[in-house]
Amino acid sequence: MALNLSKTLVVGDYKSFGDPLYEGMSSFIEGLVLGNHEVRRFDLLTRRIGPCDSCGACNTNEFPCSYLDDFNSLATPLLEADSLVLFAEGDFSKALENALAKFTAFATNAKKEPHLRKVFLIYLGTELGEKKNFSSWVIALLNIAPEETRAFRYDRIGESEKALLKEMGQKL
C-alpha cells in the first residue's frame, strides 16, 4: 500500500543564530518525517538568489527562471508543496525576499497553480516584532490564501524548544 505523504518544504534563513536555529529546524523536520511528510529542505545560508527583474521569461526556457541562480532548484518543490515552513531570524535575508518575489512571478506563469494550504514562520529574535502582518504579507506576496498562516517566535532554542518543534512537526 502506498503512503499518502504530505509534501512540505522547509526553508532555513539564518545567519547569526546559526546552530540553534539549524538544530531547531532539524528537530522540526524529524517530527515531519514521523508525521508522514515528504520533506524538502532548502538552506538559504549557502544559496545565491538574485532579485526578480520582472522580465516575464519564467518557464520560457528549460529553467523556471531565466537568470541561472539557486532559485531554479527551489521553484518546483515550492510549487508542489502542500505546506511551507520558513525558519528565520531577525529580518528576512535578501535571498529569501528575492526567492519569494521570484516565486510570485513564476507561479503566475507556471503551468499549474501552487497549492500551498499552510504557511508557517518560525523565527528567533525580536527584530521582526510580533509579525502582526505576516499573514497578509504572505497572502499578498505569494497570491495565495492558505487555510492556515501562522508565525511562532522564539527567543532561544534549547532542548525544550527542540522537543516542542519536533512535536509541532508531527502535528502539521
N, C-alpha and C. Protein backbone atom coordinates (compact mmCIF):
# COMPACT_ATOMS: atom_id res chain seq x y z
N MET A 1 0.84 -1.17 0.00
CA MET A 1 0.00 0.00 0.00
C MET A 1 0.89 1.24 0.00
N ALA A 2 0.61 2.16 -0.89
CA ALA A 2 1.41 3.38 -0.98
C ALA A 2 1.02 4.37 0.11
N LEU A 3 2.02 5.04 0.64
CA LEU A 3 1.74 6.07 1.64
C LEU A 3 1.30 7.35 0.95
N ASN A 4 0.35 8.03 1.55
CA ASN A 4 -0.08 9.33 1.04
C ASN A 4 0.66 10.38 1.85
N LEU A 5 1.82 10.80 1.36
CA LEU A 5 2.66 11.74 2.09
C LEU A 5 2.29 13.18 1.74
N SER A 6 2.25 14.02 2.76
CA SER A 6 2.05 15.45 2.56
C SER A 6 3.41 16.05 2.20
N LYS A 7 3.45 16.88 1.17
CA LYS A 7 4.71 17.47 0.74
C LYS A 7 4.94 18.79 1.49
N THR A 8 6.05 18.85 2.18
CA THR A 8 6.38 20.03 2.98
C THR A 8 7.75 20.54 2.58
N LEU A 9 7.82 21.84 2.32
CA LEU A 9 9.09 22.48 2.02
C LEU A 9 9.51 23.29 3.23
N VAL A 10 10.71 23.04 3.74
CA VAL A 10 11.26 23.76 4.88
C VAL A 10 12.42 24.60 4.39
N VAL A 11 12.30 25.91 4.58
CA VAL A 11 13.33 26.85 4.12
C VAL A 11 13.98 27.49 5.33
N GLY A 12 15.29 27.39 5.42
CA GLY A 12 16.04 27.99 6.53
C GLY A 12 16.71 29.28 6.09
N ASP A 13 16.44 30.36 6.83
CA ASP A 13 17.01 31.67 6.53
C ASP A 13 17.69 32.17 7.81
N TYR A 14 18.93 31.78 8.00
CA TYR A 14 19.60 32.10 9.25
C TYR A 14 21.04 32.51 8.98
N LYS A 15 21.53 33.41 9.83
CA LYS A 15 22.92 33.87 9.70
C LYS A 15 23.60 33.80 11.06
N SER A 16 23.24 34.74 11.93
CA SER A 16 23.98 34.86 13.19
C SER A 16 23.60 33.83 14.23
N PHE A 17 22.35 33.37 14.26
CA PHE A 17 21.99 32.38 15.27
C PHE A 17 22.58 31.02 14.92
N GLY A 18 22.70 30.74 13.63
CA GLY A 18 23.36 29.54 13.17
C GLY A 18 22.89 28.27 13.81
N ASP A 19 23.73 27.66 14.63
CA ASP A 19 23.46 26.33 15.16
C ASP A 19 22.12 26.18 15.89
N PRO A 20 21.72 27.07 16.79
CA PRO A 20 20.43 26.84 17.47
C PRO A 20 19.25 26.77 16.50
N LEU A 21 19.19 27.67 15.54
CA LEU A 21 18.09 27.64 14.58
C LEU A 21 18.19 26.42 13.69
N TYR A 22 19.39 26.07 13.29
CA TYR A 22 19.63 24.87 12.48
C TYR A 22 19.16 23.63 13.23
N GLU A 23 19.50 23.55 14.52
CA GLU A 23 19.08 22.41 15.34
C GLU A 23 17.57 22.37 15.53
N GLY A 24 16.95 23.55 15.70
CA GLY A 24 15.50 23.62 15.81
C GLY A 24 14.83 23.16 14.53
N MET A 25 15.37 23.58 13.41
CA MET A 25 14.83 23.18 12.11
C MET A 25 14.98 21.67 11.92
N SER A 26 16.10 21.12 12.34
CA SER A 26 16.33 19.67 12.23
C SER A 26 15.34 18.90 13.10
N SER A 27 15.05 19.40 14.30
CA SER A 27 14.06 18.76 15.18
C SER A 27 12.67 18.80 14.55
N PHE A 28 12.32 19.94 13.96
CA PHE A 28 11.03 20.09 13.31
C PHE A 28 10.91 19.09 12.15
N ILE A 29 11.96 18.98 11.36
CA ILE A 29 11.96 18.04 10.23
C ILE A 29 11.84 16.61 10.72
N GLU A 30 12.50 16.28 11.82
CA GLU A 30 12.37 14.94 12.40
C GLU A 30 10.91 14.65 12.73
N GLY A 31 10.20 15.64 13.28
CA GLY A 31 8.78 15.48 13.56
C GLY A 31 7.96 15.32 12.29
N LEU A 32 8.31 16.08 11.25
CA LEU A 32 7.60 15.95 9.97
C LEU A 32 7.72 14.54 9.41
N VAL A 33 8.92 14.00 9.48
CA VAL A 33 9.15 12.64 8.96
C VAL A 33 8.32 11.64 9.74
N LEU A 34 8.28 11.79 11.07
CA LEU A 34 7.46 10.91 11.89
C LEU A 34 5.97 11.07 11.58
N GLY A 35 5.58 12.26 11.12
CA GLY A 35 4.19 12.53 10.76
C GLY A 35 3.88 12.25 9.29
N ASN A 36 4.70 11.46 8.62
CA ASN A 36 4.49 11.04 7.23
C ASN A 36 4.47 12.20 6.23
N HIS A 37 5.45 13.07 6.33
CA HIS A 37 5.61 14.14 5.37
C HIS A 37 6.79 13.84 4.45
N GLU A 38 6.63 14.15 3.21
CA GLU A 38 7.76 14.16 2.28
C GLU A 38 8.39 15.54 2.43
N VAL A 39 9.63 15.60 2.88
CA VAL A 39 10.25 16.86 3.24
C VAL A 39 11.33 17.23 2.25
N ARG A 40 11.29 18.48 1.79
CA ARG A 40 12.37 19.06 1.00
C ARG A 40 12.93 20.20 1.85
N ARG A 41 14.22 20.22 2.03
CA ARG A 41 14.87 21.24 2.84
C ARG A 41 15.73 22.12 1.96
N PHE A 42 15.66 23.43 2.22
CA PHE A 42 16.39 24.39 1.41
C PHE A 42 17.00 25.41 2.36
N ASP A 43 18.33 25.37 2.54
CA ASP A 43 19.03 26.29 3.43
C ASP A 43 19.55 27.48 2.62
N LEU A 44 19.03 28.66 2.91
CA LEU A 44 19.43 29.85 2.16
C LEU A 44 20.83 30.34 2.50
N LEU A 45 21.36 29.89 3.62
CA LEU A 45 22.68 30.32 4.06
C LEU A 45 23.74 30.03 2.99
N THR A 46 23.56 28.96 2.27
CA THR A 46 24.55 28.55 1.27
C THR A 46 24.09 28.82 -0.16
N ARG A 47 22.99 29.54 -0.34
CA ARG A 47 22.42 29.74 -1.68
C ARG A 47 22.55 31.19 -2.14
N ARG A 48 22.56 31.36 -3.45
CA ARG A 48 22.61 32.68 -4.06
C ARG A 48 21.36 32.85 -4.92
N ILE A 49 20.52 33.80 -4.53
CA ILE A 49 19.30 34.07 -5.28
C ILE A 49 19.22 35.57 -5.54
N GLY A 50 19.25 35.94 -6.79
CA GLY A 50 19.19 37.35 -7.17
C GLY A 50 17.76 37.85 -7.21
N PRO A 51 17.59 39.15 -7.37
CA PRO A 51 16.24 39.73 -7.41
C PRO A 51 15.50 39.37 -8.69
N CYS A 52 14.18 39.45 -8.62
CA CYS A 52 13.34 39.26 -9.80
C CYS A 52 13.34 40.56 -10.59
N ASP A 53 13.63 40.44 -11.89
CA ASP A 53 13.65 41.62 -12.75
C ASP A 53 12.33 41.81 -13.49
N SER A 54 11.32 40.99 -13.17
CA SER A 54 10.01 41.05 -13.83
C SER A 54 10.14 41.02 -15.35
N CYS A 55 11.03 40.14 -15.83
CA CYS A 55 11.29 40.07 -17.27
C CYS A 55 10.21 39.29 -18.01
N GLY A 56 9.42 38.49 -17.28
CA GLY A 56 8.35 37.72 -17.91
C GLY A 56 8.84 36.48 -18.63
N ALA A 57 10.08 36.09 -18.42
CA ALA A 57 10.64 34.92 -19.11
C ALA A 57 10.53 33.64 -18.30
N CYS A 58 9.71 33.65 -17.25
CA CYS A 58 9.54 32.43 -16.44
C CYS A 58 9.08 31.28 -17.32
N ASN A 59 9.69 30.14 -17.16
CA ASN A 59 9.31 28.91 -17.87
C ASN A 59 9.44 28.98 -19.38
N THR A 60 10.11 29.98 -19.94
CA THR A 60 10.24 30.04 -21.39
C THR A 60 11.42 29.20 -21.88
N ASN A 61 12.35 28.95 -20.99
CA ASN A 61 13.47 28.08 -21.33
C ASN A 61 13.27 26.78 -20.56
N GLU A 62 14.32 26.04 -20.37
CA GLU A 62 14.20 24.80 -19.62
C GLU A 62 14.26 25.01 -18.11
N PHE A 63 14.42 26.27 -17.67
CA PHE A 63 14.51 26.59 -16.25
C PHE A 63 13.32 27.46 -15.83
N PRO A 64 12.92 27.37 -14.56
CA PRO A 64 11.84 28.24 -14.08
C PRO A 64 12.18 29.72 -14.23
N CYS A 65 13.43 30.10 -13.95
CA CYS A 65 13.86 31.49 -14.06
C CYS A 65 15.00 31.56 -15.08
N SER A 66 14.94 32.55 -15.95
CA SER A 66 15.98 32.66 -16.98
C SER A 66 17.32 33.10 -16.41
N TYR A 67 17.31 33.69 -15.20
CA TYR A 67 18.56 34.03 -14.53
C TYR A 67 19.01 32.81 -13.75
N LEU A 68 20.13 32.27 -14.10
CA LEU A 68 20.56 30.99 -13.56
C LEU A 68 21.20 31.16 -12.18
N ASP A 69 20.33 31.12 -11.17
CA ASP A 69 20.81 31.15 -9.80
C ASP A 69 20.11 30.02 -9.04
N ASP A 70 20.24 30.00 -7.73
CA ASP A 70 19.73 28.88 -6.94
C ASP A 70 18.21 28.84 -6.82
N PHE A 71 17.51 29.86 -7.30
CA PHE A 71 16.04 29.81 -7.28
C PHE A 71 15.53 28.63 -8.10
N ASN A 72 16.24 28.29 -9.15
CA ASN A 72 15.77 27.21 -10.02
C ASN A 72 15.67 25.87 -9.31
N SER A 73 16.46 25.65 -8.27
CA SER A 73 16.35 24.39 -7.52
C SER A 73 15.25 24.47 -6.45
N LEU A 74 14.74 25.67 -6.18
CA LEU A 74 13.69 25.87 -5.19
C LEU A 74 12.30 25.94 -5.82
N ALA A 75 12.21 26.38 -7.06
CA ALA A 75 10.92 26.68 -7.69
C ALA A 75 9.96 25.50 -7.73
N THR A 76 10.38 24.37 -8.26
CA THR A 76 9.48 23.23 -8.40
C THR A 76 9.05 22.68 -7.05
N PRO A 77 9.97 22.46 -6.08
CA PRO A 77 9.49 22.00 -4.77
C PRO A 77 8.50 22.97 -4.12
N LEU A 78 8.70 24.27 -4.32
CA LEU A 78 7.79 25.26 -3.75
C LEU A 78 6.43 25.20 -4.43
N LEU A 79 6.41 24.98 -5.71
CA LEU A 79 5.17 24.89 -6.45
C LEU A 79 4.39 23.61 -6.09
N GLU A 80 5.12 22.53 -5.78
CA GLU A 80 4.48 21.25 -5.48
C GLU A 80 4.11 21.07 -4.01
N ALA A 81 4.62 21.94 -3.14
CA ALA A 81 4.43 21.76 -1.70
C ALA A 81 3.00 22.00 -1.24
N ASP A 82 2.58 21.21 -0.25
CA ASP A 82 1.31 21.43 0.43
C ASP A 82 1.49 22.44 1.55
N SER A 83 2.68 22.43 2.16
CA SER A 83 2.97 23.32 3.28
C SER A 83 4.35 23.93 3.09
N LEU A 84 4.49 25.18 3.53
CA LEU A 84 5.76 25.88 3.51
C LEU A 84 6.07 26.31 4.93
N VAL A 85 7.26 25.98 5.40
CA VAL A 85 7.70 26.38 6.73
C VAL A 85 8.99 27.17 6.57
N LEU A 86 8.98 28.41 7.05
CA LEU A 86 10.15 29.28 6.98
C LEU A 86 10.77 29.39 8.36
N PHE A 87 12.03 29.04 8.49
CA PHE A 87 12.79 29.26 9.72
C PHE A 87 13.66 30.48 9.47
N ALA A 88 13.49 31.52 10.28
CA ALA A 88 14.21 32.77 10.03
C ALA A 88 14.65 33.40 11.34
N GLU A 89 15.53 34.36 11.21
CA GLU A 89 15.96 35.15 12.35
C GLU A 89 15.96 36.60 11.94
N GLY A 90 15.65 37.47 12.86
CA GLY A 90 15.68 38.90 12.55
C GLY A 90 14.91 39.22 11.29
N ASP A 91 15.42 40.14 10.50
CA ASP A 91 14.79 40.47 9.22
C ASP A 91 15.06 39.38 8.21
N PHE A 92 14.16 39.22 7.25
CA PHE A 92 14.39 38.25 6.19
C PHE A 92 15.62 38.65 5.40
N SER A 93 16.39 37.65 4.97
CA SER A 93 17.56 37.93 4.14
C SER A 93 17.11 38.34 2.74
N LYS A 94 18.01 38.96 2.01
CA LYS A 94 17.71 39.32 0.62
C LYS A 94 17.43 38.06 -0.20
N ALA A 95 18.12 36.97 0.11
CA ALA A 95 17.91 35.73 -0.64
C ALA A 95 16.47 35.25 -0.48
N LEU A 96 15.92 35.30 0.75
CA LEU A 96 14.54 34.87 0.97
C LEU A 96 13.57 35.83 0.29
N GLU A 97 13.77 37.12 0.46
CA GLU A 97 12.89 38.09 -0.19
C GLU A 97 12.91 37.91 -1.72
N ASN A 98 14.10 37.71 -2.27
CA ASN A 98 14.22 37.51 -3.72
C ASN A 98 13.54 36.22 -4.15
N ALA A 99 13.71 35.14 -3.37
CA ALA A 99 13.09 33.86 -3.71
C ALA A 99 11.57 33.98 -3.72
N LEU A 100 11.00 34.64 -2.72
CA LEU A 100 9.55 34.78 -2.66
C LEU A 100 9.02 35.66 -3.79
N ALA A 101 9.76 36.72 -4.13
CA ALA A 101 9.35 37.57 -5.25
C ALA A 101 9.42 36.80 -6.57
N LYS A 102 10.47 36.01 -6.74
CA LYS A 102 10.58 35.21 -7.97
C LYS A 102 9.49 34.15 -8.02
N PHE A 103 9.16 33.56 -6.86
CA PHE A 103 8.11 32.55 -6.85
C PHE A 103 6.78 33.15 -7.27
N THR A 104 6.52 34.38 -6.85
CA THR A 104 5.28 35.05 -7.23
C THR A 104 5.19 35.17 -8.75
N ALA A 105 6.26 35.62 -9.38
CA ALA A 105 6.29 35.74 -10.85
C ALA A 105 6.21 34.37 -11.50
N PHE A 106 6.96 33.41 -10.99
CA PHE A 106 6.99 32.07 -11.54
C PHE A 106 5.62 31.41 -11.44
N ALA A 107 4.96 31.53 -10.28
CA ALA A 107 3.65 30.90 -10.08
C ALA A 107 2.61 31.49 -11.03
N THR A 108 2.74 32.77 -11.35
CA THR A 108 1.82 33.41 -12.29
C THR A 108 1.95 32.80 -13.68
N ASN A 109 3.17 32.44 -14.06
CA ASN A 109 3.43 31.91 -15.40
C ASN A 109 3.56 30.39 -15.43
N ALA A 110 3.37 29.73 -14.29
CA ALA A 110 3.55 28.28 -14.23
C ALA A 110 2.39 27.55 -14.91
N LYS A 111 2.65 26.32 -15.27
CA LYS A 111 1.62 25.52 -15.94
C LYS A 111 0.57 25.02 -14.96
N LYS A 112 0.89 25.05 -13.67
CA LYS A 112 -0.10 24.66 -12.68
C LYS A 112 -0.06 25.64 -11.52
N GLU A 113 -1.17 25.75 -10.83
CA GLU A 113 -1.29 26.67 -9.71
C GLU A 113 -0.59 26.11 -8.48
N PRO A 114 0.03 26.97 -7.68
CA PRO A 114 0.56 26.49 -6.40
C PRO A 114 -0.60 26.07 -5.52
N HIS A 115 -0.39 25.06 -4.70
CA HIS A 115 -1.49 24.59 -3.84
C HIS A 115 -1.09 24.56 -2.37
N LEU A 116 -0.35 25.56 -1.95
CA LEU A 116 0.00 25.67 -0.54
C LEU A 116 -1.26 25.83 0.28
N ARG A 117 -1.38 25.04 1.34
CA ARG A 117 -2.52 25.16 2.25
C ARG A 117 -2.10 25.77 3.58
N LYS A 118 -0.84 25.53 3.96
CA LYS A 118 -0.36 26.02 5.24
C LYS A 118 0.99 26.69 5.05
N VAL A 119 1.15 27.84 5.67
CA VAL A 119 2.42 28.56 5.64
C VAL A 119 2.76 28.95 7.08
N PHE A 120 3.94 28.57 7.53
CA PHE A 120 4.37 28.86 8.89
C PHE A 120 5.69 29.61 8.87
N LEU A 121 5.84 30.53 9.78
CA LEU A 121 7.11 31.20 10.01
C LEU A 121 7.51 30.89 11.44
N ILE A 122 8.68 30.33 11.62
CA ILE A 122 9.24 30.08 12.94
C ILE A 122 10.51 30.90 13.01
N TYR A 123 10.55 31.86 13.93
CA TYR A 123 11.67 32.79 13.91
C TYR A 123 12.21 33.10 15.30
N LEU A 124 13.48 33.48 15.31
CA LEU A 124 14.19 33.86 16.52
C LEU A 124 14.37 35.36 16.54
N GLY A 125 14.40 35.92 17.73
CA GLY A 125 14.73 37.33 17.88
C GLY A 125 13.50 38.23 17.85
N THR A 126 13.72 39.47 18.19
CA THR A 126 12.63 40.42 18.29
C THR A 126 12.58 41.42 17.15
N GLU A 127 13.54 41.37 16.24
CA GLU A 127 13.59 42.37 15.17
C GLU A 127 12.34 42.34 14.29
N LEU A 128 11.70 41.18 14.18
CA LEU A 128 10.50 41.08 13.37
C LEU A 128 9.27 41.54 14.13
N GLY A 129 9.45 41.97 15.38
CA GLY A 129 8.30 42.32 16.19
C GLY A 129 7.49 41.07 16.43
N GLU A 130 6.21 41.19 16.44
CA GLU A 130 5.36 40.01 16.60
C GLU A 130 4.84 39.51 15.25
N LYS A 131 5.33 40.09 14.17
CA LYS A 131 4.92 39.70 12.82
C LYS A 131 3.40 39.75 12.67
N LYS A 132 2.82 40.85 13.12
CA LYS A 132 1.37 41.01 13.06
C LYS A 132 0.84 40.92 11.63
N ASN A 133 1.64 41.36 10.68
CA ASN A 133 1.17 41.37 9.30
C ASN A 133 1.69 40.19 8.48
N PHE A 134 2.19 39.15 9.14
CA PHE A 134 2.76 38.03 8.42
C PHE A 134 1.74 37.40 7.46
N SER A 135 0.52 37.14 7.94
CA SER A 135 -0.49 36.50 7.09
C SER A 135 -0.79 37.33 5.87
N SER A 136 -1.01 38.62 6.03
CA SER A 136 -1.34 39.45 4.87
C SER A 136 -0.13 39.58 3.95
N TRP A 137 1.08 39.62 4.52
CA TRP A 137 2.29 39.70 3.70
C TRP A 137 2.42 38.46 2.83
N VAL A 138 2.24 37.27 3.41
CA VAL A 138 2.38 36.03 2.66
C VAL A 138 1.29 35.94 1.60
N ILE A 139 0.06 36.24 1.96
CA ILE A 139 -1.04 36.15 1.00
C ILE A 139 -0.82 37.12 -0.15
N ALA A 140 -0.39 38.34 0.15
CA ALA A 140 -0.17 39.33 -0.91
C ALA A 140 1.00 38.94 -1.79
N LEU A 141 2.11 38.52 -1.19
CA LEU A 141 3.30 38.22 -1.96
C LEU A 141 3.15 36.94 -2.77
N LEU A 142 2.63 35.90 -2.15
CA LEU A 142 2.50 34.62 -2.84
C LEU A 142 1.19 34.48 -3.58
N ASN A 143 0.28 35.45 -3.42
CA ASN A 143 -1.01 35.43 -4.08
C ASN A 143 -1.78 34.14 -3.77
N ILE A 144 -1.73 33.75 -2.52
CA ILE A 144 -2.44 32.55 -2.09
C ILE A 144 -3.26 32.88 -0.86
N ALA A 145 -4.20 32.05 -0.57
CA ALA A 145 -4.99 32.20 0.66
C ALA A 145 -4.96 30.86 1.40
N PRO A 146 -3.85 30.58 2.07
CA PRO A 146 -3.76 29.27 2.74
C PRO A 146 -4.77 29.16 3.87
N GLU A 147 -5.15 27.91 4.15
CA GLU A 147 -6.06 27.64 5.27
C GLU A 147 -5.48 28.18 6.56
N GLU A 148 -4.18 28.07 6.67
CA GLU A 148 -3.54 28.42 7.93
C GLU A 148 -2.20 29.09 7.66
N THR A 149 -2.05 30.30 8.16
CA THR A 149 -0.79 31.03 8.06
C THR A 149 -0.48 31.53 9.45
N ARG A 150 0.61 31.04 10.03
CA ARG A 150 0.90 31.39 11.42
C ARG A 150 2.38 31.67 11.61
N ALA A 151 2.67 32.47 12.62
CA ALA A 151 4.06 32.79 12.97
C ALA A 151 4.30 32.38 14.42
N PHE A 152 5.47 31.82 14.67
CA PHE A 152 5.88 31.42 16.01
C PHE A 152 7.22 32.07 16.30
N ARG A 153 7.35 32.71 17.44
CA ARG A 153 8.58 33.42 17.79
C ARG A 153 9.27 32.73 18.97
N TYR A 154 10.59 32.61 18.86
CA TYR A 154 11.40 32.05 19.94
C TYR A 154 12.52 33.01 20.28
N ASP A 155 12.80 33.16 21.57
CA ASP A 155 13.95 33.95 21.99
C ASP A 155 15.21 33.10 22.00
N ARG A 156 15.03 31.82 22.14
CA ARG A 156 16.17 30.90 22.13
C ARG A 156 15.65 29.54 21.71
N ILE A 157 16.55 28.67 21.30
CA ILE A 157 16.18 27.29 21.01
C ILE A 157 17.11 26.39 21.81
N GLY A 158 16.55 25.86 22.88
CA GLY A 158 17.25 24.89 23.73
C GLY A 158 16.58 23.54 23.59
N GLU A 159 16.85 22.65 24.51
CA GLU A 159 16.31 21.29 24.44
C GLU A 159 14.78 21.27 24.49
N SER A 160 14.16 22.07 25.36
CA SER A 160 12.69 22.05 25.46
C SER A 160 12.06 22.61 24.18
N GLU A 161 12.68 23.64 23.58
CA GLU A 161 12.15 24.20 22.34
C GLU A 161 12.30 23.21 21.18
N LYS A 162 13.42 22.47 21.16
CA LYS A 162 13.61 21.47 20.11
C LYS A 162 12.56 20.37 20.22
N ALA A 163 12.24 19.96 21.46
CA ALA A 163 11.21 18.94 21.66
C ALA A 163 9.85 19.45 21.19
N LEU A 164 9.55 20.70 21.49
CA LEU A 164 8.29 21.30 21.05
C LEU A 164 8.23 21.40 19.53
N LEU A 165 9.33 21.79 18.90
CA LEU A 165 9.37 21.89 17.44
C LEU A 165 9.17 20.52 16.79
N LYS A 166 9.76 19.49 17.39
CA LYS A 166 9.57 18.13 16.87
C LYS A 166 8.10 17.75 16.96
N GLU A 167 7.47 18.06 18.08
CA GLU A 167 6.04 17.76 18.26
C GLU A 167 5.19 18.55 17.25
N MET A 168 5.54 19.82 17.04
CA MET A 168 4.81 20.64 16.06
C MET A 168 4.91 20.03 14.67
N GLY A 169 6.10 19.52 14.33
CA GLY A 169 6.28 18.90 13.02
C GLY A 169 5.41 17.66 12.85
N GLN A 170 5.28 16.87 13.91
CA GLN A 170 4.44 15.68 13.84
C GLN A 170 2.97 16.04 13.65
N LYS A 171 2.54 17.18 14.17
CA LYS A 171 1.13 17.55 14.11
C LYS A 171 0.76 18.34 12.86
N LEU A 172 1.75 18.78 12.10
CA LEU A 172 1.47 19.60 10.91
C LEU A 172 0.71 18.79 9.87
